[in-house]
């Protein structure tokens, strides 16, 4: 099941993301995307993965952006997205 939410992207940022897509289409990329929506979805999934998997490469993104909470819970590996269940 896919949950759809609407987000607002600054028009200047959106323009840059569109340009990135053009570059992928013109010159190739190891991970090319065909739309801004696909690119944003990938970036957000990477942030979510970095949040729940402290040892993953994606965690470096969060650390560099200052998005790791200063609490023990944010340093625990979780297999599922969202608030940890009592069985984890």
PDB file of N, CA and C in Angstrom:
ATOM      1  N   UNK A   1       0.834  -1.160   0.000  1.00  0.00           N
ATOM      2  CA  UNK A   1       0.000   0.000   0.000  1.00  0.00           C
ATOM      3  C   UNK A   1       0.895   1.245   0.000  1.00  0.00           C
ATOM      4  N   UNK A   2       0.579   2.189  -0.841  1.00  0.00           N
ATOM      5  CA  UNK A   2       1.307   3.442  -0.917  1.00  0.00           C
ATOM      6  C   UNK A   2       0.460   4.546  -0.337  1.00  0.00           C
ATOM      7  N   UNK A   3       1.031   5.284   0.605  1.00  0.00           N
ATOM      8  CA  UNK A   3       0.349   6.435   1.167  1.00  0.00           C
ATOM      9  C   UNK A   3       0.844   7.661   0.432  1.00  0.00           C
ATOM     10  N   UNK A   4      -0.070   8.473  -0.036  1.00  0.00           N
ATOM     11  CA  UNK A   4       0.300   9.662  -0.793  1.00  0.00           C
ATOM     12  C   UNK A   4       0.052  10.895   0.055  1.00  0.00           C
ATOM     13  N   UNK A   5       1.068  11.722   0.157  1.00  0.00           N
ATOM     14  CA  UNK A   5       0.963  12.996   0.867  1.00  0.00           C
ATOM     15  C   UNK A   5       1.504  14.072  -0.060  1.00  0.00           C
ATOM     16  N   UNK A   6       0.986  15.230   0.050  1.00  0.00           N
ATOM     17  CA  UNK A   6       1.450  16.327  -0.776  1.00  0.00           C
ATOM     18  C   UNK A   6       2.452  17.156   0.019  1.00  0.00           C
ATOM     19  N   UNK A   7       3.575  17.478  -0.619  1.00  0.00           N
ATOM     20  CA  UNK A   7       4.556  18.352   0.004  1.00  0.00           C
ATOM     21  C   UNK A   7       4.786  19.549  -0.906  1.00  0.00           C
ATOM     22  N   UNK A   8       5.268  20.627  -0.338  1.00  0.00           N
ATOM     23  CA  UNK A   8       5.572  21.822  -1.108  1.00  0.00           C
ATOM     24  C   UNK A   8       7.086  21.937  -1.236  1.00  0.00           C
ATOM     25  N   UNK A   9       7.550  22.122  -2.459  1.00  0.00           N
ATOM     26  CA  UNK A   9       8.971  22.292  -2.723  1.00  0.00           C
ATOM     27  C   UNK A   9       9.181  23.701  -3.248  1.00  0.00           C
ATOM     28  N   UNK A  10      10.158  24.384  -2.688  1.00  0.00           N
ATOM     29  CA  UNK A  10      10.500  25.718  -3.153  1.00  0.00           C
ATOM     30  C   UNK A  10      10.676  25.676  -4.669  1.00  0.00           C
ATOM     31  N   UNK A  11      10.101  26.627  -5.407  1.00  0.00           N
ATOM     32  CA  UNK A  11      10.194  26.607  -6.871  1.00  0.00           C
ATOM     33  C   UNK A  11      11.631  26.584  -7.405  1.00  0.00           C
ATOM     34  N   UNK A  12      12.552  27.250  -6.719  1.00  0.00           N
ATOM     35  CA  UNK A  12      13.954  27.239  -7.148  1.00  0.00           C
ATOM     36  C   UNK A  12      14.572  25.858  -6.967  1.00  0.00           C
ATOM     37  N   UNK A  13      14.230  25.216  -5.863  1.00  0.00           N
ATOM     38  CA  UNK A  13      14.720  23.859  -5.606  1.00  0.00           C
ATOM     39  C   UNK A  13      14.135  22.896  -6.633  1.00  0.00           C
ATOM     40  N   UNK A  14      12.842  23.041  -6.914  1.00  0.00           N
ATOM     41  CA  UNK A  14      12.190  22.170  -7.892  1.00  0.00           C
ATOM     42  C   UNK A  14      12.852  22.313  -9.266  1.00  0.00           C
ATOM     43  N   UNK A  15      13.185  23.548  -9.625  1.00  0.00           N
ATOM     44  CA  UNK A  15      13.843  23.801 -10.909  1.00  0.00           C
ATOM     45  C   UNK A  15      15.190  23.072 -10.979  1.00  0.00           C
ATOM     46  N   UNK A  16      15.929  23.068  -9.872  1.00  0.00           N
ATOM     47  CA  UNK A  16      17.220  22.362  -9.836  1.00  0.00           C
ATOM     48  C   UNK A  16      17.014  20.857  -9.944  1.00  0.00           C
ATOM     49  N   UNK A  17      15.990  20.349  -9.284  1.00  0.00           N
ATOM     50  CA  UNK A  17      15.704  18.912  -9.360  1.00  0.00           C
ATOM     51  C   UNK A  17      15.309  18.508 -10.780  1.00  0.00           C
ATOM     52  N   UNK A  18      14.539  19.367 -11.442  1.00  0.00           N
ATOM     53  CA  UNK A  18      14.199  19.102 -12.846  1.00  0.00           C
ATOM     54  C   UNK A  18      15.461  19.066 -13.708  1.00  0.00           C
ATOM     55  N   UNK A  19      16.385  19.978 -13.429  1.00  0.00           N
ATOM     56  CA  UNK A  19      17.637  20.013 -14.180  1.00  0.00           C
ATOM     57  C   UNK A  19      18.448  18.731 -13.941  1.00  0.00           C
ATOM     58  N   UNK A  20      18.455  18.246 -12.703  1.00  0.00           N
ATOM     59  CA  UNK A  20      19.141  16.987 -12.413  1.00  0.00           C
ATOM     60  C   UNK A  20      18.563  15.860 -13.260  1.00  0.00           C
ATOM     61  N   UNK A  21      17.239  15.808 -13.363  1.00  0.00           N
ATOM     62  CA  UNK A  21      16.578  14.778 -14.175  1.00  0.00           C
ATOM     63  C   UNK A  21      17.014  14.902 -15.630  1.00  0.00           C
ATOM     64  N   UNK A  22      17.078  16.126 -16.142  1.00  0.00           N
ATOM     65  CA  UNK A  22      17.545  16.339 -17.518  1.00  0.00           C
ATOM     66  C   UNK A  22      18.966  15.813 -17.699  1.00  0.00           C
ATOM     67  N   UNK A  23      19.827  16.096 -16.734  1.00  0.00           N
ATOM     68  CA  UNK A  23      21.206  15.616 -16.825  1.00  0.00           C
ATOM     69  C   UNK A  23      21.254  14.089 -16.854  1.00  0.00           C
ATOM     70  N   UNK A  24      20.449  13.449 -16.010  1.00  0.00           N
ATOM     71  CA  UNK A  24      20.393  11.988 -16.011  1.00  0.00           C
ATOM     72  C   UNK A  24      19.976  11.469 -17.378  1.00  0.00           C
ATOM     73  N   UNK A  25      18.955  12.102 -17.939  1.00  0.00           N
ATOM     74  CA  UNK A  25      18.432  11.648 -19.226  1.00  0.00           C
ATOM     75  C   UNK A  25      19.421  11.885 -20.357  1.00  0.00           C
ATOM     76  N   UNK A  26      20.157  12.990 -20.303  1.00  0.00           N
ATOM     77  CA  UNK A  26      21.124  13.313 -21.356  1.00  0.00           C
ATOM     78  C   UNK A  26      22.435  12.543 -21.230  1.00  0.00           C
ATOM     79  N   UNK A  27      22.886  12.353 -20.001  1.00  0.00           N
ATOM     80  CA  UNK A  27      24.236  11.829 -19.801  1.00  0.00           C
ATOM     81  C   UNK A  27      24.299  10.513 -19.051  1.00  0.00           C
ATOM     82  N   UNK A  28      23.186  10.041 -18.550  1.00  0.00           N
ATOM     83  CA  UNK A  28      23.183   8.796 -17.796  1.00  0.00           C
ATOM     84  C   UNK A  28      23.556   9.029 -16.342  1.00  0.00           C
ATOM     85  N   UNK A  29      23.340   8.038 -15.542  1.00  0.00           N
ATOM     86  CA  UNK A  29      23.617   8.089 -14.110  1.00  0.00           C
ATOM     87  C   UNK A  29      23.540   6.667 -13.574  1.00  0.00           C
ATOM     88  N   UNK A  30      24.315   6.350 -12.540  1.00  0.00           N
ATOM     89  CA  UNK A  30      24.187   5.014 -11.949  1.00  0.00           C
ATOM     90  C   UNK A  30      22.779   4.749 -11.413  1.00  0.00           C
ATOM     91  N   UNK A  31      22.062   5.807 -11.063  1.00  0.00           N
ATOM     92  CA  UNK A  31      20.721   5.668 -10.509  1.00  0.00           C
ATOM     93  C   UNK A  31      19.820   6.748 -11.106  1.00  0.00           C
ATOM     94  N   UNK A  32      19.532   6.654 -12.395  1.00  0.00           N
ATOM     95  CA  UNK A  32      18.756   7.718 -13.048  1.00  0.00           C
ATOM     96  C   UNK A  32      17.277   7.675 -12.656  1.00  0.00           C
ATOM     97  N   UNK A  33      16.675   8.850 -12.596  1.00  0.00           N
ATOM     98  CA  UNK A  33      15.256   8.960 -12.312  1.00  0.00           C
ATOM     99  C   UNK A  33      14.587   9.669 -13.472  1.00  0.00           C
ATOM    100  N   UNK A  34      13.320   9.367 -13.680  1.00  0.00           N
ATOM    101  CA  UNK A  34      12.593   9.945 -14.800  1.00  0.00           C
ATOM    102  C   UNK A  34      11.713  11.114 -14.395  1.00  0.00           C
ATOM    103  N   UNK A  35      11.565  11.340 -13.085  1.00  0.00           N
ATOM    104  CA  UNK A  35      10.728  12.452 -12.634  1.00  0.00           C
ATOM    105  C   UNK A  35      11.249  12.979 -11.309  1.00  0.00           C
ATOM    106  N   UNK A  36      10.886  14.221 -11.025  1.00  0.00           N
ATOM    107  CA  UNK A  36      11.248  14.820  -9.745  1.00  0.00           C
ATOM    108  C   UNK A  36      10.614  14.017  -8.612  1.00  0.00           C
ATOM    109  N   UNK A  37       9.394  13.559  -8.808  1.00  0.00           N
ATOM    110  CA  UNK A  37       8.709  12.786  -7.778  1.00  0.00           C
ATOM    111  C   UNK A  37       9.483  11.514  -7.434  1.00  0.00           C
ATOM    112  N   UNK A  38      10.004  10.825  -8.453  1.00  0.00           N
ATOM    113  CA  UNK A  38      10.794   9.612  -8.206  1.00  0.00           C
ATOM    114  C   UNK A  38      12.081   9.936  -7.464  1.00  0.00           C
ATOM    115  N   UNK A  39      12.740  11.015  -7.853  1.00  0.00           N
ATOM    116  CA  UNK A  39      13.977  11.433  -7.198  1.00  0.00           C
ATOM    117  C   UNK A  39      13.726  11.789  -5.736  1.00  0.00           C
ATOM    118  N   UNK A  40      12.696  12.583  -5.483  1.00  0.00           N
ATOM    119  CA  UNK A  40      12.366  12.978  -4.109  1.00  0.00           C
ATOM    120  C   UNK A  40      11.987  11.752  -3.280  1.00  0.00           C
ATOM    121  N   UNK A  41      11.236  10.839  -3.863  1.00  0.00           N
ATOM    122  CA  UNK A  41      10.874   9.611  -3.156  1.00  0.00           C
ATOM    123  C   UNK A  41      12.088   8.805  -2.746  1.00  0.00           C
ATOM    124  N   UNK A  42      13.080   8.717  -3.643  1.00  0.00           N
ATOM    125  CA  UNK A  42      14.314   7.992  -3.342  1.00  0.00           C
ATOM    126  C   UNK A  42      15.084   8.670  -2.209  1.00  0.00           C
ATOM    127  N   UNK A  43      15.180   9.983  -2.266  1.00  0.00           N
ATOM    128  CA  UNK A  43      15.913  10.724  -1.235  1.00  0.00           C
ATOM    129  C   UNK A  43      15.232  10.556   0.120  1.00  0.00           C
ATOM    130  N   UNK A  44      13.916  10.665   0.146  1.00  0.00           N
ATOM    131  CA  UNK A  44      13.198  10.517   1.415  1.00  0.00           C
ATOM    132  C   UNK A  44      13.288   9.096   1.958  1.00  0.00           C
ATOM    133  N   UNK A  45      13.254   8.111   1.081  1.00  0.00           N
ATOM    134  CA  UNK A  45      13.422   6.722   1.527  1.00  0.00           C
ATOM    135  C   UNK A  45      14.821   6.518   2.100  1.00  0.00           C
ATOM    136  N   UNK A  46      15.816   7.160   1.506  1.00  0.00           N
ATOM    137  CA  UNK A  46      17.185   7.050   2.020  1.00  0.00           C
ATOM    138  C   UNK A  46      17.301   7.675   3.398  1.00  0.00           C
ATOM    139  N   UNK A  47      16.638   8.803   3.610  1.00  0.00           N
ATOM    140  CA  UNK A  47      16.639   9.441   4.925  1.00  0.00           C
ATOM    141  C   UNK A  47      15.955   8.524   5.944  1.00  0.00           C
ATOM    142  N   UNK A  48      14.820   7.952   5.579  1.00  0.00           N
ATOM    143  CA  UNK A  48      14.112   7.045   6.490  1.00  0.00           C
ATOM    144  C   UNK A  48      14.963   5.818   6.806  1.00  0.00           C
ATOM    145  N   UNK A  49      15.653   5.272   5.812  1.00  0.00           N
ATOM    146  CA  UNK A  49      16.518   4.118   6.053  1.00  0.00           C
ATOM    147  C   UNK A  49      17.668   4.489   6.978  1.00  0.00           C
ATOM    148  N   UNK A  50      18.238   5.668   6.798  1.00  0.00           N
ATOM    149  CA  UNK A  50      19.308   6.111   7.679  1.00  0.00           C
ATOM    150  C   UNK A  50      18.838   6.317   9.108  1.00  0.00           C
ATOM    151  N   UNK A  51      17.579   6.674   9.272  1.00  0.00           N
ATOM    152  CA  UNK A  51      17.031   6.873  10.605  1.00  0.00           C
ATOM    153  C   UNK A  51      16.908   5.561  11.361  1.00  0.00           C
ATOM    154  N   UNK A  52      16.512   4.505  10.681  1.00  0.00           N
ATOM    155  CA  UNK A  52      16.269   3.243  11.384  1.00  0.00           C
ATOM    156  C   UNK A  52      17.443   2.273  11.338  1.00  0.00           C
ATOM    157  N   UNK A  53      18.471   2.590  10.542  1.00  0.00           N
ATOM    158  CA  UNK A  53      19.618   1.684  10.424  1.00  0.00           C
ATOM    159  C   UNK A  53      20.919   2.469  10.646  1.00  0.00           C
ATOM    160  N   UNK A  54      21.360   2.590  11.912  1.00  0.00           N
ATOM    161  CA  UNK A  54      22.531   3.401  12.228  1.00  0.00           C
ATOM    162  C   UNK A  54      23.804   2.999  11.487  1.00  0.00           C
ATOM    163  N   UNK A  55      23.960   1.763  11.078  1.00  0.00           N
ATOM    164  CA  UNK A  55      25.176   1.325  10.401  1.00  0.00           C
ATOM    165  C   UNK A  55      25.131   1.451   8.888  1.00  0.00           C
ATOM    166  N   UNK A  56      24.016   1.901   8.342  1.00  0.00           N
ATOM    167  CA  UNK A  56      23.845   1.966   6.889  1.00  0.00           C
ATOM    168  C   UNK A  56      24.511   3.214   6.312  1.00  0.00           C
ATOM    169  N   UNK A  57      24.819   3.162   5.024  1.00  0.00           N
ATOM    170  CA  UNK A  57      25.434   4.321   4.372  1.00  0.00           C
ATOM    171  C   UNK A  57      24.529   5.541   4.445  1.00  0.00           C
ATOM    172  N   UNK A  58      23.215   5.320   4.458  1.00  0.00           N
ATOM    173  CA  UNK A  58      22.265   6.432   4.488  1.00  0.00           C
ATOM    174  C   UNK A  58      22.355   7.234   5.795  1.00  0.00           C
ATOM    175  N   UNK A  59      22.835   6.582   6.861  1.00  0.00           N
ATOM    176  CA  UNK A  59      22.935   7.272   8.150  1.00  0.00           C
ATOM    177  C   UNK A  59      23.866   8.473   8.050  1.00  0.00           C
ATOM    178  N   UNK A  60      24.877   8.362   7.190  1.00  0.00           N
ATOM    179  CA  UNK A  60      25.817   9.468   7.007  1.00  0.00           C
ATOM    180  C   UNK A  60      25.091  10.727   6.534  1.00  0.00           C
ATOM    181  N   UNK A  61      24.058  10.551   5.708  1.00  0.00           N
ATOM    182  CA  UNK A  61      23.268  11.708   5.261  1.00  0.00           C
ATOM    183  C   UNK A  61      22.665  12.439   6.457  1.00  0.00           C
ATOM    184  N   UNK A  62      22.051  11.679   7.340  1.00  0.00           N
ATOM    185  CA  UNK A  62      21.416  12.276   8.505  1.00  0.00           C
ATOM    186  C   UNK A  62      22.436  12.947   9.405  1.00  0.00           C
ATOM    187  N   UNK A  63      23.572  12.289   9.611  1.00  0.00           N
ATOM    188  CA  UNK A  63      24.605  12.861  10.469  1.00  0.00           C
ATOM    189  C   UNK A  63      25.127  14.174   9.894  1.00  0.00           C
ATOM    190  N   UNK A  64      25.380  14.211   8.591  1.00  0.00           N
ATOM    191  CA  UNK A  64      25.908  15.426   7.967  1.00  0.00           C
ATOM    192  C   UNK A  64      24.885  16.563   7.989  1.00  0.00           C
ATOM    193  N   UNK A  65      23.597  16.235   7.977  1.00  0.00           N
ATOM    194  CA  UNK A  65      22.554  17.257   7.996  1.00  0.00           C
ATOM    195  C   UNK A  65      22.093  17.588   9.412  1.00  0.00           C
ATOM    196  N   UNK A  66      22.658  16.931  10.418  1.00  0.00           N
ATOM    197  CA  UNK A  66      22.260  17.186  11.798  1.00  0.00           C
ATOM    198  C   UNK A  66      20.887  16.656  12.124  1.00  0.00           C
ATOM    199  N   UNK A  67      20.511  15.518  11.533  1.00  0.00           N
ATOM    200  CA  UNK A  67      19.161  14.978  11.716  1.00  0.00           C
ATOM    201  C   UNK A  67      19.099  13.722  12.590  1.00  0.00           C
ATOM    202  N   UNK A  68      20.139  13.491  13.380  1.00  0.00           N
ATOM    203  CA  UNK A  68      20.116  12.357  14.299  1.00  0.00           C
ATOM    204  C   UNK A  68      19.777  12.907  15.688  1.00  0.00           C
ATOM    205  N   UNK A  69      18.692  12.407  16.246  1.00  0.00           N
ATOM    206  CA  UNK A  69      18.248  12.874  17.562  1.00  0.00           C
ATOM    207  C   UNK A  69      19.261  12.466  18.629  1.00  0.00           C
ATOM    208  N   UNK A  70      19.394  13.292  19.646  1.00  0.00           N
ATOM    209  CA  UNK A  70      20.345  13.047  20.731  1.00  0.00           C
ATOM    210  C   UNK A  70      19.697  12.181  21.807  1.00  0.00           C
ATOM    211  N   UNK A  71      19.381  10.937  21.426  1.00  0.00           N
ATOM    212  CA  UNK A  71      18.790   9.992  22.373  1.00  0.00           C
ATOM    213  C   UNK A  71      19.196   8.582  21.981  1.00  0.00           C
ATOM    214  N   UNK A  72      19.188   7.684  22.955  1.00  0.00           N
ATOM    215  CA  UNK A  72      19.603   6.305  22.715  1.00  0.00           C
ATOM    216  C   UNK A  72      18.761   5.606  21.654  1.00  0.00           C
ATOM    217  N   UNK A  73      17.457   5.908  21.633  1.00  0.00           N
ATOM    218  CA  UNK A  73      16.565   5.223  20.687  1.00  0.00           C
ATOM    219  C   UNK A  73      16.986   5.424  19.237  1.00  0.00           C
ATOM    220  N   UNK A  74      17.548   6.578  18.912  1.00  0.00           N
ATOM    221  CA  UNK A  74      17.897   6.844  17.515  1.00  0.00           C
ATOM    222  C   UNK A  74      19.195   6.148  17.109  1.00  0.00           C
ATOM    223  N   UNK A  75      19.807   5.454  18.043  1.00  0.00           N
ATOM    224  CA  UNK A  75      21.030   4.715  17.742  1.00  0.00           C
ATOM    225  C   UNK A  75      20.784   3.205  17.718  1.00  0.00           C
ATOM    226  N   UNK A  76      19.525   2.798  17.817  1.00  0.00           N
ATOM    227  CA  UNK A  76      19.173   1.380  17.768  1.00  0.00           C
ATOM    228  C   UNK A  76      18.722   0.995  16.366  1.00  0.00           C
ATOM    229  N   UNK A  77      19.168  -0.168  15.913  1.00  0.00           N
ATOM    230  CA  UNK A  77      18.741  -0.689  14.608  1.00  0.00           C
ATOM    231  C   UNK A  77      17.299  -1.153  14.715  1.00  0.00           C
ATOM    232  N   UNK A  78      16.487  -0.797  13.710  1.00  0.00           N
ATOM    233  CA  UNK A  78      15.098  -1.234  13.652  1.00  0.00           C
ATOM    234  C   UNK A  78      14.838  -1.868  12.296  1.00  0.00           C
ATOM    235  N   UNK A  79      14.154  -2.984  12.278  1.00  0.00           N
ATOM    236  CA  UNK A  79      13.858  -3.657  11.015  1.00  0.00           C
ATOM    237  C   UNK A  79      12.674  -3.022  10.293  1.00  0.00           C
ATOM    238  N   UNK A  80      11.799  -2.366  11.047  1.00  0.00           N
ATOM    239  CA  UNK A  80      10.600  -1.777  10.457  1.00  0.00           C
ATOM    240  C   UNK A  80      10.628  -0.262  10.544  1.00  0.00           C
ATOM    241  N   UNK A  81       9.851   0.366   9.671  1.00  0.00           N
ATOM    242  CA  UNK A  81       9.715   1.816   9.686  1.00  0.00           C
ATOM    243  C   UNK A  81       8.766   2.236  10.798  1.00  0.00           C
ATOM    244  N   UNK A  82       8.943   3.452  11.302  1.00  0.00           N
ATOM    245  CA  UNK A  82       8.037   3.997  12.302  1.00  0.00           C
ATOM    246  C   UNK A  82       8.464   3.686  13.722  1.00  0.00           C
ATOM    247  N   UNK A  83       7.592   4.053  14.637  1.00  0.00           N
ATOM    248  CA  UNK A  83       7.855   3.824  16.063  1.00  0.00           C
ATOM    249  C   UNK A  83       8.090   2.343  16.313  1.00  0.00           C
ATOM    250  N   UNK A  84       9.137   2.014  17.097  1.00  0.00           N
ATOM    251  CA  UNK A  84       9.412   0.590  17.357  1.00  0.00           C
ATOM    252  C   UNK A  84       8.253  -0.079  18.080  1.00  0.00           C
ATOM    253  N   UNK A  85       7.993  -1.313  17.692  1.00  0.00           N
ATOM    254  CA  UNK A  85       6.960  -2.060  18.396  1.00  0.00           C
ATOM    255  C   UNK A  85       7.573  -2.684  19.640  1.00  0.00           C
ATOM    256  N   UNK A  86       6.752  -3.216  20.468  1.00  0.00           N
ATOM    257  CA  UNK A  86       7.253  -3.813  21.708  1.00  0.00           C
ATOM    258  C   UNK A  86       8.021  -5.101  21.456  1.00  0.00           C
ATOM    259  N   UNK A  87       7.875  -5.683  20.257  1.00  0.00           N
ATOM    260  CA  UNK A  87       8.552  -6.949  19.973  1.00  0.00           C
ATOM    261  C   UNK A  87       9.959  -6.744  19.391  1.00  0.00           C
ATOM    262  N   UNK A  88      10.313  -5.537  19.029  1.00  0.00           N
ATOM    263  CA  UNK A  88      11.644  -5.308  18.455  1.00  0.00           C
ATOM    264  C   UNK A  88      12.675  -5.179  19.521  1.00  0.00           C
TER     265      UNK A  88
END
